[in-house]
């Protein structure tokens, strides 16, 4: 039996329709993804380490939702996020000096240049792969995947530049999800975009505080 058939058998009962928003069905996965996603981004804004366990729950709900919508890169990205979230959780708790809590800081210029340089080949490679897998939006799915991975990497390191990558990804995600009939998810990503802007301002104020020692990787 194909992997897609096995996953489909698991995903279907977890994605039952609850009600209709306009012409489109809202499912358990989308509703719970909405709730946990909003809480997770809110915790990131506050630089709370609890964003990681809530984010893991969000990954599971979105895995179900995106696989159902044939957004395979976004679905697969949730599995990667599970691993990155576990790693980030550990870094925030034990990644500072003498295994203390990680302090907020800036990414180095070289780190940012590497991440930006990787966006092109990663997006291209995923686009080719997803086209062959009959993904419903291969290029946009690949681009947002590349941006989100870069953002998560910087978030794990507790570096303020993560917000730039999240904002760029959300600008693409919003029209993508509305075009796929995932209206509730599109709405929550509008909220995510607003929270990202709030988070960037909040982290910038925190870094400007004389009580904060910025750590540059």
N, C-alpha and C. Protein backbone atom coordinates (compact mmCIF):
# COMPACT_ATOMS: atom_id res chain seq x y z
N UNK A 1 0.85 -1.20 0.00
CA UNK A 1 0.00 0.00 0.00
C UNK A 1 0.88 1.24 0.00
N UNK A 2 0.53 2.26 -0.79
CA UNK A 2 1.33 3.47 -0.89
C UNK A 2 1.27 4.26 0.41
N UNK A 3 2.36 5.03 0.65
CA UNK A 3 2.42 5.87 1.85
C UNK A 3 1.26 6.85 1.89
N UNK A 4 0.94 7.43 0.71
CA UNK A 4 -0.15 8.40 0.64
C UNK A 4 -1.48 7.76 1.07
N UNK A 5 -1.70 6.49 0.68
CA UNK A 5 -2.93 5.81 1.06
C UNK A 5 -3.00 5.58 2.56
N UNK A 6 -1.86 5.21 3.14
CA UNK A 6 -1.82 4.98 4.58
C UNK A 6 -2.10 6.28 5.33
N UNK A 7 -1.40 7.35 4.92
CA UNK A 7 -1.62 8.64 5.58
C UNK A 7 -3.04 9.14 5.38
N UNK A 8 -3.56 8.90 4.17
CA UNK A 8 -4.93 9.32 3.91
C UNK A 8 -5.92 8.65 4.84
N UNK A 9 -5.67 7.37 5.15
CA UNK A 9 -6.56 6.66 6.05
C UNK A 9 -6.51 7.18 7.46
N UNK A 10 -5.37 7.75 7.85
CA UNK A 10 -5.24 8.33 9.18
C UNK A 10 -5.77 9.75 9.22
N UNK A 11 -5.48 10.51 8.17
CA UNK A 11 -5.83 11.93 8.14
C UNK A 11 -7.34 12.15 8.07
N UNK A 12 -8.03 11.36 7.24
CA UNK A 12 -9.45 11.59 6.98
C UNK A 12 -10.30 11.70 8.25
N UNK A 13 -10.23 10.73 9.18
CA UNK A 13 -11.07 10.83 10.37
C UNK A 13 -10.67 11.96 11.31
N UNK A 14 -9.41 12.41 11.21
CA UNK A 14 -8.96 13.51 12.06
C UNK A 14 -9.30 14.87 11.47
N UNK A 15 -9.84 14.88 10.27
CA UNK A 15 -10.13 16.13 9.57
C UNK A 15 -11.60 16.25 9.22
N UNK A 16 -12.47 15.70 10.06
CA UNK A 16 -13.91 15.74 9.81
C UNK A 16 -14.42 17.18 9.84
N UNK A 17 -15.43 17.44 9.02
CA UNK A 17 -15.98 18.79 8.92
C UNK A 17 -16.81 19.13 10.16
N UNK A 18 -16.64 20.36 10.63
CA UNK A 18 -17.41 20.83 11.79
C UNK A 18 -18.58 21.70 11.37
N UNK A 19 -18.29 22.71 10.55
CA UNK A 19 -19.31 23.65 10.10
C UNK A 19 -18.80 24.33 8.85
N UNK A 20 -19.60 25.20 8.28
CA UNK A 20 -19.22 25.89 7.05
C UNK A 20 -19.03 27.38 7.30
N UNK A 21 -17.94 27.90 6.75
CA UNK A 21 -17.66 29.32 6.79
C UNK A 21 -17.86 29.83 5.37
N UNK A 22 -19.03 30.46 5.13
CA UNK A 22 -19.38 30.82 3.76
C UNK A 22 -19.66 29.56 2.98
N UNK A 23 -18.90 29.32 1.89
CA UNK A 23 -19.06 28.14 1.06
C UNK A 23 -18.11 27.01 1.43
N UNK A 24 -17.21 27.26 2.38
CA UNK A 24 -16.14 26.31 2.65
C UNK A 24 -16.30 25.64 4.00
N UNK A 25 -15.94 24.35 4.04
CA UNK A 25 -16.04 23.58 5.27
C UNK A 25 -14.86 23.88 6.18
N UNK A 26 -15.14 24.01 7.47
CA UNK A 26 -14.11 24.16 8.48
C UNK A 26 -13.99 22.84 9.22
N UNK A 27 -12.78 22.33 9.37
CA UNK A 27 -12.56 21.02 9.96
C UNK A 27 -11.94 21.16 11.36
N UNK A 28 -11.90 20.02 12.05
CA UNK A 28 -11.25 19.99 13.36
C UNK A 28 -9.80 20.44 13.26
N UNK A 29 -9.09 19.94 12.26
CA UNK A 29 -7.68 20.27 12.12
C UNK A 29 -7.47 21.76 11.90
N UNK A 30 -8.33 22.37 11.08
CA UNK A 30 -8.19 23.79 10.80
C UNK A 30 -8.53 24.63 12.03
N UNK A 31 -9.58 24.24 12.75
CA UNK A 31 -9.99 25.00 13.93
C UNK A 31 -8.93 24.93 15.03
N UNK A 32 -8.43 23.73 15.30
CA UNK A 32 -7.43 23.57 16.34
C UNK A 32 -6.08 24.14 15.91
N UNK A 33 -5.80 24.09 14.60
CA UNK A 33 -4.60 24.74 14.09
C UNK A 33 -4.66 26.24 14.28
N UNK A 34 -5.85 26.80 14.07
CA UNK A 34 -6.10 28.23 14.29
C UNK A 34 -5.79 28.59 15.74
N UNK A 35 -6.36 27.83 16.67
CA UNK A 35 -6.23 28.15 18.09
C UNK A 35 -4.79 28.02 18.59
N UNK A 36 -4.17 26.87 18.31
CA UNK A 36 -2.81 26.66 18.80
C UNK A 36 -1.80 27.57 18.09
N UNK A 37 -2.06 27.87 16.83
CA UNK A 37 -1.16 28.76 16.10
C UNK A 37 -1.16 30.16 16.68
N UNK A 38 -2.35 30.67 16.99
CA UNK A 38 -2.45 32.01 17.57
C UNK A 38 -1.76 32.08 18.92
N UNK A 39 -1.97 31.05 19.74
CA UNK A 39 -1.32 31.01 21.06
C UNK A 39 0.19 30.92 20.91
N UNK A 40 0.66 30.09 19.98
CA UNK A 40 2.09 29.91 19.77
C UNK A 40 2.78 31.21 19.37
N UNK A 41 2.22 31.91 18.40
CA UNK A 41 2.83 33.16 17.96
C UNK A 41 2.79 34.20 19.09
N UNK A 42 1.68 34.21 19.85
CA UNK A 42 1.59 35.12 20.98
C UNK A 42 2.69 34.86 22.00
N UNK A 43 2.99 33.59 22.25
CA UNK A 43 4.06 33.24 23.18
C UNK A 43 5.43 33.62 22.62
N UNK A 44 5.59 33.51 21.29
CA UNK A 44 6.85 33.94 20.66
C UNK A 44 7.04 35.44 20.84
N UNK A 45 5.97 36.20 20.70
CA UNK A 45 6.03 37.65 20.89
C UNK A 45 6.56 37.97 22.28
N UNK A 46 6.13 37.18 23.26
CA UNK A 46 6.56 37.40 24.65
C UNK A 46 7.90 36.72 24.95
N UNK A 47 8.49 36.08 23.94
CA UNK A 47 9.74 35.35 24.10
C UNK A 47 9.62 34.29 25.18
N UNK A 48 8.46 33.63 25.23
CA UNK A 48 8.22 32.57 26.21
C UNK A 48 8.62 31.22 25.64
N UNK A 49 9.34 30.43 26.41
CA UNK A 49 9.78 29.11 25.97
C UNK A 49 8.60 28.17 25.74
N UNK A 50 7.43 28.50 26.29
CA UNK A 50 6.25 27.65 26.10
C UNK A 50 5.74 27.67 24.67
N UNK A 51 6.29 28.56 23.84
CA UNK A 51 5.88 28.56 22.43
C UNK A 51 6.22 27.22 21.77
N UNK A 52 7.24 26.51 22.27
CA UNK A 52 7.66 25.27 21.63
C UNK A 52 6.68 24.12 21.83
N UNK A 53 6.23 23.80 23.06
CA UNK A 53 5.24 22.71 23.18
C UNK A 53 3.92 23.03 22.50
N UNK A 54 3.49 24.29 22.57
CA UNK A 54 2.25 24.67 21.88
C UNK A 54 2.46 24.58 20.37
N UNK A 55 3.65 24.96 19.92
CA UNK A 55 3.96 24.86 18.50
C UNK A 55 3.97 23.43 18.00
N UNK A 56 4.41 22.50 18.83
CA UNK A 56 4.41 21.09 18.44
C UNK A 56 2.98 20.61 18.22
N UNK A 57 2.06 21.00 19.11
CA UNK A 57 0.65 20.64 18.92
C UNK A 57 0.11 21.25 17.63
N UNK A 58 0.49 22.49 17.36
CA UNK A 58 0.08 23.17 16.13
C UNK A 58 0.58 22.43 14.89
N UNK A 59 1.81 21.93 14.95
CA UNK A 59 2.38 21.18 13.83
C UNK A 59 1.55 19.94 13.50
N UNK A 60 1.10 19.25 14.53
CA UNK A 60 0.31 18.03 14.33
C UNK A 60 -1.02 18.34 13.65
N UNK A 61 -1.69 19.40 14.10
CA UNK A 61 -2.97 19.76 13.49
C UNK A 61 -2.80 20.21 12.04
N UNK A 62 -1.75 20.99 11.79
CA UNK A 62 -1.53 21.48 10.43
C UNK A 62 -1.03 20.36 9.51
N UNK A 63 -0.35 19.37 10.05
CA UNK A 63 0.04 18.22 9.25
C UNK A 63 -1.20 17.55 8.66
N UNK A 64 -2.21 17.35 9.48
CA UNK A 64 -3.47 16.76 9.02
C UNK A 64 -4.14 17.66 7.98
N UNK A 65 -4.20 18.95 8.29
CA UNK A 65 -4.90 19.90 7.41
C UNK A 65 -4.23 20.00 6.04
N UNK A 66 -2.91 20.19 6.01
CA UNK A 66 -2.21 20.44 4.76
C UNK A 66 -2.14 19.19 3.89
N UNK A 67 -2.03 18.02 4.53
CA UNK A 67 -2.02 16.80 3.72
C UNK A 67 -3.36 16.63 3.02
N UNK A 68 -4.45 16.97 3.71
CA UNK A 68 -5.77 16.88 3.10
C UNK A 68 -5.93 17.83 1.93
N UNK A 69 -5.25 19.01 2.03
CA UNK A 69 -5.33 20.02 0.97
C UNK A 69 -4.30 19.81 -0.14
N UNK A 70 -3.52 18.71 -0.06
CA UNK A 70 -2.49 18.38 -1.04
C UNK A 70 -1.39 19.44 -1.11
N UNK A 71 -1.15 20.11 0.03
CA UNK A 71 -0.01 21.01 0.14
C UNK A 71 1.10 20.22 0.83
N UNK A 72 1.75 19.36 0.04
CA UNK A 72 2.63 18.36 0.61
C UNK A 72 3.88 18.93 1.26
N UNK A 73 4.40 20.02 0.72
CA UNK A 73 5.59 20.63 1.33
C UNK A 73 5.23 21.18 2.71
N UNK A 74 4.09 21.86 2.80
CA UNK A 74 3.65 22.39 4.09
C UNK A 74 3.38 21.26 5.08
N UNK A 75 2.82 20.16 4.60
CA UNK A 75 2.57 19.01 5.47
C UNK A 75 3.89 18.41 5.96
N UNK A 76 4.82 18.20 5.04
CA UNK A 76 6.12 17.64 5.42
C UNK A 76 6.89 18.59 6.33
N UNK A 77 6.69 19.89 6.10
CA UNK A 77 7.37 20.90 6.92
C UNK A 77 6.98 20.76 8.39
N UNK A 78 5.76 20.33 8.66
CA UNK A 78 5.32 20.17 10.04
C UNK A 78 6.14 19.11 10.78
N UNK A 79 6.53 18.05 10.06
CA UNK A 79 7.37 17.01 10.66
C UNK A 79 8.75 17.58 10.99
N UNK A 80 9.29 18.37 10.07
CA UNK A 80 10.58 19.01 10.31
C UNK A 80 10.48 19.95 11.50
N UNK A 81 9.36 20.68 11.58
CA UNK A 81 9.15 21.60 12.70
C UNK A 81 9.13 20.87 14.04
N UNK A 82 8.57 19.67 14.06
CA UNK A 82 8.54 18.91 15.31
C UNK A 82 9.96 18.68 15.83
N UNK A 83 10.86 18.33 14.92
CA UNK A 83 12.25 18.09 15.29
C UNK A 83 12.92 19.42 15.70
N UNK A 84 12.70 20.46 14.89
CA UNK A 84 13.30 21.76 15.19
C UNK A 84 12.76 22.35 16.49
N UNK A 85 11.47 22.13 16.76
CA UNK A 85 10.87 22.66 17.99
C UNK A 85 11.49 21.99 19.22
N UNK A 86 11.68 20.68 19.13
CA UNK A 86 12.31 19.97 20.25
C UNK A 86 13.73 20.50 20.48
N UNK A 87 14.45 20.73 19.38
CA UNK A 87 15.80 21.26 19.49
C UNK A 87 15.79 22.69 20.03
N UNK A 88 14.88 23.52 19.51
CA UNK A 88 14.79 24.90 19.96
C UNK A 88 14.42 25.00 21.43
N UNK A 89 13.52 24.13 21.86
CA UNK A 89 13.13 24.09 23.27
C UNK A 89 14.35 23.86 24.14
N UNK A 90 15.20 22.92 23.75
CA UNK A 90 16.41 22.62 24.50
C UNK A 90 17.38 23.80 24.49
N UNK A 91 17.52 24.45 23.31
CA UNK A 91 18.45 25.58 23.20
C UNK A 91 18.02 26.74 24.09
N UNK A 92 16.72 27.05 24.07
CA UNK A 92 16.24 28.16 24.88
C UNK A 92 16.44 27.90 26.37
N UNK A 93 16.31 26.65 26.78
CA UNK A 93 16.44 26.31 28.19
C UNK A 93 17.89 26.14 28.63
N UNK A 94 18.74 25.58 27.74
CA UNK A 94 20.10 25.21 28.13
C UNK A 94 21.17 25.73 27.19
N UNK A 95 20.82 26.63 26.27
CA UNK A 95 21.78 27.04 25.25
C UNK A 95 22.57 28.29 25.56
N UNK A 96 22.43 28.80 26.79
CA UNK A 96 23.17 30.00 27.17
C UNK A 96 24.49 29.67 27.83
N UNK A 97 25.09 30.68 28.43
CA UNK A 97 26.36 30.47 29.12
C UNK A 97 26.16 29.51 30.28
N UNK A 98 27.08 28.54 30.40
CA UNK A 98 27.04 27.55 31.47
C UNK A 98 25.69 26.84 31.53
N UNK A 99 25.17 26.54 30.35
CA UNK A 99 23.91 25.81 30.19
C UNK A 99 22.73 26.53 30.84
N UNK A 100 22.79 27.87 30.83
CA UNK A 100 21.68 28.67 31.35
C UNK A 100 20.70 28.94 30.22
N UNK A 101 19.64 29.68 30.51
CA UNK A 101 18.67 30.03 29.48
C UNK A 101 19.30 30.91 28.41
N UNK A 102 18.91 30.68 27.18
CA UNK A 102 19.45 31.43 26.05
C UNK A 102 18.97 32.87 26.09
N UNK A 103 19.88 33.81 25.88
CA UNK A 103 19.50 35.22 25.82
C UNK A 103 19.12 35.61 24.38
N UNK A 104 18.27 36.60 24.28
CA UNK A 104 17.88 37.13 22.97
C UNK A 104 19.07 37.84 22.34
N UNK A 105 19.20 37.74 21.01
CA UNK A 105 20.32 38.39 20.35
C UNK A 105 20.09 38.62 18.87
N UNK A 106 21.15 38.97 18.17
CA UNK A 106 21.14 39.21 16.73
C UNK A 106 21.88 38.09 16.01
N UNK A 107 21.43 37.79 14.81
CA UNK A 107 22.18 36.88 13.95
C UNK A 107 23.34 37.63 13.33
N UNK A 108 24.43 36.94 13.08
CA UNK A 108 25.57 37.58 12.43
C UNK A 108 25.26 37.81 10.95
N UNK A 109 26.00 38.72 10.36
CA UNK A 109 25.80 39.01 8.94
C UNK A 109 26.09 37.79 8.08
N UNK A 110 27.12 37.03 8.46
CA UNK A 110 27.47 35.85 7.68
C UNK A 110 26.36 34.79 7.74
N UNK A 111 25.73 34.63 8.91
CA UNK A 111 24.63 33.67 9.04
C UNK A 111 23.46 34.05 8.15
N UNK A 112 23.14 35.34 8.13
CA UNK A 112 22.03 35.81 7.31
C UNK A 112 22.35 35.64 5.83
N UNK A 113 23.57 35.90 5.44
CA UNK A 113 23.96 35.74 4.03
C UNK A 113 23.84 34.28 3.60
N UNK A 114 24.22 33.36 4.49
CA UNK A 114 24.12 31.94 4.17
C UNK A 114 22.66 31.54 4.01
N UNK A 115 21.80 31.98 4.92
CA UNK A 115 20.38 31.64 4.84
C UNK A 115 19.74 32.21 3.57
N UNK A 116 20.07 33.45 3.25
CA UNK A 116 19.52 34.06 2.04
C UNK A 116 20.02 33.34 0.78
N UNK A 117 21.29 32.96 0.78
CA UNK A 117 21.85 32.26 -0.38
C UNK A 117 21.20 30.89 -0.56
N UNK A 118 20.81 30.25 0.53
CA UNK A 118 20.20 28.93 0.45
C UNK A 118 18.76 28.97 -0.02
N UNK A 119 18.11 30.12 0.08
CA UNK A 119 16.70 30.21 -0.30
C UNK A 119 16.48 29.82 -1.77
N UNK A 120 17.38 30.26 -2.64
CA UNK A 120 17.20 30.00 -4.08
C UNK A 120 17.30 28.51 -4.41
N UNK A 121 18.39 27.83 -4.06
CA UNK A 121 18.48 26.41 -4.41
C UNK A 121 17.45 25.55 -3.69
N UNK A 122 17.12 25.88 -2.44
CA UNK A 122 16.11 25.10 -1.71
C UNK A 122 14.75 25.25 -2.35
N UNK A 123 14.40 26.50 -2.70
CA UNK A 123 13.11 26.74 -3.36
C UNK A 123 13.05 26.04 -4.71
N UNK A 124 14.12 26.13 -5.48
CA UNK A 124 14.15 25.48 -6.80
C UNK A 124 14.02 23.97 -6.66
N UNK A 125 14.82 23.39 -5.77
CA UNK A 125 14.79 21.93 -5.60
C UNK A 125 13.43 21.44 -5.15
N UNK A 126 12.83 22.14 -4.20
CA UNK A 126 11.50 21.73 -3.72
C UNK A 126 10.44 21.91 -4.79
N UNK A 127 10.58 22.96 -5.60
CA UNK A 127 9.61 23.17 -6.67
C UNK A 127 9.61 22.00 -7.65
N UNK A 128 10.80 21.55 -8.03
CA UNK A 128 10.92 20.40 -8.93
C UNK A 128 10.31 19.16 -8.29
N UNK A 129 10.65 18.92 -7.03
CA UNK A 129 10.15 17.75 -6.32
C UNK A 129 8.63 17.77 -6.18
N UNK A 130 8.10 18.93 -5.82
CA UNK A 130 6.66 19.04 -5.58
C UNK A 130 5.86 19.01 -6.88
N UNK A 131 6.45 19.50 -7.95
CA UNK A 131 5.78 19.40 -9.25
C UNK A 131 5.59 17.94 -9.63
N UNK A 132 6.62 17.14 -9.40
CA UNK A 132 6.53 15.71 -9.70
C UNK A 132 5.55 15.00 -8.77
N UNK A 133 5.39 15.54 -7.55
CA UNK A 133 4.47 14.94 -6.59
C UNK A 133 3.05 15.45 -6.76
N UNK A 134 2.82 16.28 -7.80
CA UNK A 134 1.50 16.83 -8.10
C UNK A 134 0.97 17.71 -6.96
N UNK A 135 1.88 18.45 -6.34
CA UNK A 135 1.47 19.44 -5.34
C UNK A 135 0.59 20.48 -6.02
N UNK A 136 -0.36 21.03 -5.28
CA UNK A 136 -1.32 21.95 -5.89
C UNK A 136 -0.76 23.35 -6.13
N UNK A 137 0.36 23.71 -5.50
CA UNK A 137 0.99 25.02 -5.72
C UNK A 137 2.49 24.87 -5.49
N UNK A 138 3.19 24.17 -6.38
CA UNK A 138 4.58 23.78 -6.10
C UNK A 138 5.55 24.92 -5.81
N UNK A 139 5.55 25.97 -6.63
CA UNK A 139 6.52 27.05 -6.39
C UNK A 139 6.25 27.78 -5.09
N UNK A 140 4.99 28.20 -4.89
CA UNK A 140 4.67 28.96 -3.69
C UNK A 140 4.81 28.12 -2.42
N UNK A 141 4.46 26.86 -2.54
CA UNK A 141 4.63 25.93 -1.43
C UNK A 141 6.11 25.78 -1.09
N UNK A 142 6.95 25.69 -2.12
CA UNK A 142 8.39 25.55 -1.92
C UNK A 142 9.00 26.82 -1.32
N UNK A 143 8.59 27.98 -1.83
CA UNK A 143 9.13 29.24 -1.34
C UNK A 143 8.80 29.46 0.13
N UNK A 144 7.54 29.23 0.51
CA UNK A 144 7.16 29.44 1.90
C UNK A 144 7.84 28.41 2.81
N UNK A 145 8.08 27.22 2.29
CA UNK A 145 8.80 26.22 3.07
C UNK A 145 10.22 26.67 3.35
N UNK A 146 10.90 27.18 2.34
CA UNK A 146 12.27 27.65 2.51
C UNK A 146 12.34 28.82 3.49
N UNK A 147 11.42 29.77 3.34
CA UNK A 147 11.39 30.93 4.24
C UNK A 147 11.10 30.50 5.68
N UNK A 148 10.16 29.57 5.84
CA UNK A 148 9.77 29.14 7.18
C UNK A 148 10.89 28.38 7.88
N UNK A 149 11.62 27.57 7.14
CA UNK A 149 12.74 26.84 7.73
C UNK A 149 13.82 27.81 8.21
N UNK A 150 14.09 28.83 7.41
CA UNK A 150 15.09 29.84 7.81
C UNK A 150 14.60 30.57 9.06
N UNK A 151 13.32 30.91 9.08
CA UNK A 151 12.76 31.61 10.23
C UNK A 151 12.84 30.77 11.49
N UNK A 152 12.50 29.48 11.37
CA UNK A 152 12.54 28.60 12.53
C UNK A 152 13.96 28.42 13.05
N UNK A 153 14.92 28.36 12.15
CA UNK A 153 16.32 28.23 12.55
C UNK A 153 16.75 29.42 13.40
N UNK A 154 16.37 30.63 12.97
CA UNK A 154 16.72 31.84 13.70
C UNK A 154 15.94 31.95 15.01
N UNK A 155 14.68 31.49 15.00
CA UNK A 155 13.89 31.50 16.23
C UNK A 155 14.51 30.56 17.26
N UNK A 156 14.96 29.38 16.81
CA UNK A 156 15.60 28.44 17.72
C UNK A 156 16.82 29.05 18.40
N UNK A 157 17.53 29.91 17.65
CA UNK A 157 18.71 30.58 18.19
C UNK A 157 18.34 31.84 18.97
N UNK A 158 17.05 32.14 19.05
CA UNK A 158 16.51 33.31 19.76
C UNK A 158 17.09 34.61 19.20
N UNK A 159 17.11 34.70 17.87
CA UNK A 159 17.65 35.87 17.18
C UNK A 159 16.53 36.65 16.52
N UNK A 160 16.54 37.95 16.70
CA UNK A 160 15.43 38.81 16.30
C UNK A 160 15.14 38.75 14.80
N UNK A 161 16.13 38.44 14.00
CA UNK A 161 15.93 38.41 12.55
C UNK A 161 14.95 37.34 12.10
N UNK A 162 14.57 36.42 13.00
CA UNK A 162 13.57 35.42 12.63
C UNK A 162 12.27 36.07 12.17
N UNK A 163 11.95 37.22 12.74
CA UNK A 163 10.68 37.88 12.39
C UNK A 163 10.63 38.32 10.93
N UNK A 164 11.76 38.71 10.36
CA UNK A 164 11.78 39.13 8.96
C UNK A 164 11.37 37.98 8.04
N UNK A 165 11.87 36.80 8.34
CA UNK A 165 11.55 35.64 7.51
C UNK A 165 10.10 35.18 7.71
N UNK A 166 9.62 35.22 8.96
CA UNK A 166 8.21 34.88 9.19
C UNK A 166 7.29 35.84 8.45
N UNK A 167 7.61 37.13 8.50
CA UNK A 167 6.77 38.13 7.83
C UNK A 167 6.74 37.87 6.33
N UNK A 168 7.90 37.60 5.73
CA UNK A 168 7.97 37.32 4.29
C UNK A 168 7.15 36.08 3.95
N UNK A 169 7.24 35.04 4.77
CA UNK A 169 6.47 33.81 4.52
C UNK A 169 4.98 34.07 4.63
N UNK A 170 4.56 34.82 5.65
CA UNK A 170 3.13 35.08 5.85
C UNK A 170 2.52 35.87 4.70
N UNK A 171 3.31 36.79 4.13
CA UNK A 171 2.81 37.58 2.99
C UNK A 171 2.44 36.67 1.82
N UNK A 172 3.15 35.55 1.67
CA UNK A 172 2.84 34.59 0.62
C UNK A 172 1.76 33.61 1.07
N UNK A 173 1.84 33.18 2.32
CA UNK A 173 0.88 32.20 2.83
C UNK A 173 -0.57 32.69 2.74
N UNK A 174 -0.81 33.95 3.04
CA UNK A 174 -2.18 34.45 3.14
C UNK A 174 -2.95 34.27 1.84
N UNK A 175 -2.47 34.79 0.70
CA UNK A 175 -3.22 34.56 -0.54
C UNK A 175 -3.24 33.11 -0.97
N UNK A 176 -2.18 32.35 -0.64
CA UNK A 176 -2.12 30.93 -1.01
C UNK A 176 -3.25 30.16 -0.34
N UNK A 177 -3.45 30.35 0.95
CA UNK A 177 -4.47 29.60 1.66
C UNK A 177 -5.89 30.02 1.26
N UNK A 178 -6.09 31.32 1.02
CA UNK A 178 -7.41 31.76 0.57
C UNK A 178 -7.72 31.16 -0.80
N UNK A 179 -6.70 31.06 -1.66
CA UNK A 179 -6.93 30.50 -3.00
C UNK A 179 -7.25 29.01 -2.95
N UNK A 180 -6.86 28.33 -1.87
CA UNK A 180 -7.12 26.90 -1.71
C UNK A 180 -8.39 26.63 -0.92
N UNK A 181 -9.14 27.68 -0.60
CA UNK A 181 -10.39 27.51 0.13
C UNK A 181 -10.20 27.31 1.62
N UNK A 182 -8.97 27.51 2.13
CA UNK A 182 -8.71 27.38 3.56
C UNK A 182 -8.88 28.75 4.21
N UNK A 183 -10.13 29.21 4.23
CA UNK A 183 -10.40 30.57 4.65
C UNK A 183 -10.02 30.84 6.10
N UNK A 184 -10.34 29.91 7.00
CA UNK A 184 -10.01 30.11 8.40
C UNK A 184 -8.50 30.18 8.59
N UNK A 185 -7.77 29.32 7.89
CA UNK A 185 -6.31 29.34 7.96
C UNK A 185 -5.77 30.65 7.37
N UNK A 186 -6.38 31.12 6.28
CA UNK A 186 -5.97 32.41 5.72
C UNK A 186 -6.16 33.54 6.71
N UNK A 187 -7.29 33.50 7.43
CA UNK A 187 -7.57 34.53 8.43
C UNK A 187 -6.56 34.48 9.57
N UNK A 188 -6.24 33.26 10.02
CA UNK A 188 -5.29 33.16 11.13
C UNK A 188 -3.90 33.61 10.70
N UNK A 189 -3.56 33.46 9.42
CA UNK A 189 -2.26 33.94 8.97
C UNK A 189 -2.23 35.45 8.83
N UNK A 190 -3.37 36.08 8.64
CA UNK A 190 -3.43 37.54 8.73
C UNK A 190 -3.11 37.96 10.17
N UNK A 191 -3.70 37.22 11.12
CA UNK A 191 -3.39 37.46 12.53
C UNK A 191 -1.92 37.21 12.82
N UNK A 192 -1.37 36.12 12.25
CA UNK A 192 0.05 35.83 12.45
C UNK A 192 0.92 36.98 11.94
N UNK A 193 0.56 37.52 10.79
CA UNK A 193 1.35 38.62 10.22
C UNK A 193 1.34 39.82 11.16
N UNK A 194 0.17 40.14 11.70
CA UNK A 194 0.08 41.25 12.64
C UNK A 194 0.90 40.98 13.90
N UNK A 195 0.83 39.74 14.40
CA UNK A 195 1.58 39.37 15.59
C UNK A 195 3.09 39.39 15.33
N UNK A 196 3.49 39.04 14.12
CA UNK A 196 4.91 39.09 13.76
C UNK A 196 5.44 40.52 13.85
N UNK A 197 4.64 41.45 13.38
CA UNK A 197 5.05 42.86 13.46
C UNK A 197 5.14 43.31 14.91
N UNK A 198 4.18 42.86 15.72
CA UNK A 198 4.21 43.18 17.16
C UNK A 198 5.43 42.53 17.81
N UNK A 199 5.70 41.26 17.42
CA UNK A 199 6.84 40.56 17.98
C UNK A 199 8.16 41.23 17.65
N UNK A 200 8.30 41.66 16.40
CA UNK A 200 9.53 42.34 15.99
C UNK A 200 9.76 43.59 16.83
N UNK A 201 8.70 44.38 17.04
CA UNK A 201 8.82 45.60 17.83
C UNK A 201 9.14 45.29 19.29
N UNK A 202 8.50 44.24 19.82
CA UNK A 202 8.72 43.86 21.20
C UNK A 202 10.15 43.38 21.44
N UNK A 203 10.64 42.52 20.53
CA UNK A 203 12.02 42.03 20.66
C UNK A 203 13.03 43.17 20.48
N UNK A 204 12.74 44.10 19.59
CA UNK A 204 13.65 45.21 19.36
C UNK A 204 13.76 46.08 20.62
N UNK A 205 12.61 46.31 21.28
CA UNK A 205 12.64 47.07 22.53
C UNK A 205 13.42 46.31 23.60
N UNK A 206 13.22 45.00 23.65
CA UNK A 206 13.94 44.18 24.63
C UNK A 206 15.44 44.24 24.41
N UNK A 207 15.86 44.17 23.16
CA UNK A 207 17.30 44.23 22.86
C UNK A 207 17.89 45.61 23.15
N UNK A 208 17.06 46.65 23.04
CA UNK A 208 17.54 48.00 23.31
C UNK A 208 17.62 48.29 24.80
N UNK A 209 17.03 47.41 25.61
CA UNK A 209 17.04 47.60 27.06
C UNK A 209 18.45 47.43 27.61
N UNK A 210 18.87 48.32 28.53
CA UNK A 210 20.21 48.17 29.11
C UNK A 210 20.39 46.90 29.94
N UNK A 211 19.28 46.24 30.27
CA UNK A 211 19.33 45.01 31.06
C UNK A 211 19.58 43.79 30.18
N UNK A 212 19.50 43.99 28.86
CA UNK A 212 19.65 42.87 27.94
C UNK A 212 21.01 42.90 27.28
N UNK A 213 21.72 41.81 27.32
CA UNK A 213 22.99 41.69 26.60
C UNK A 213 22.75 40.91 25.32
N UNK A 214 22.84 41.61 24.19
CA UNK A 214 22.60 40.95 22.91
C UNK A 214 23.71 39.95 22.61
N UNK A 215 23.32 38.76 22.21
CA UNK A 215 24.27 37.72 21.85
C UNK A 215 24.30 37.60 20.34
N UNK A 216 25.43 37.78 19.72
CA UNK A 216 25.56 37.66 18.27
C UNK A 216 26.22 36.34 17.95
N UNK A 217 25.50 35.50 17.17
CA UNK A 217 26.04 34.18 16.82
C UNK A 217 27.11 34.33 15.78
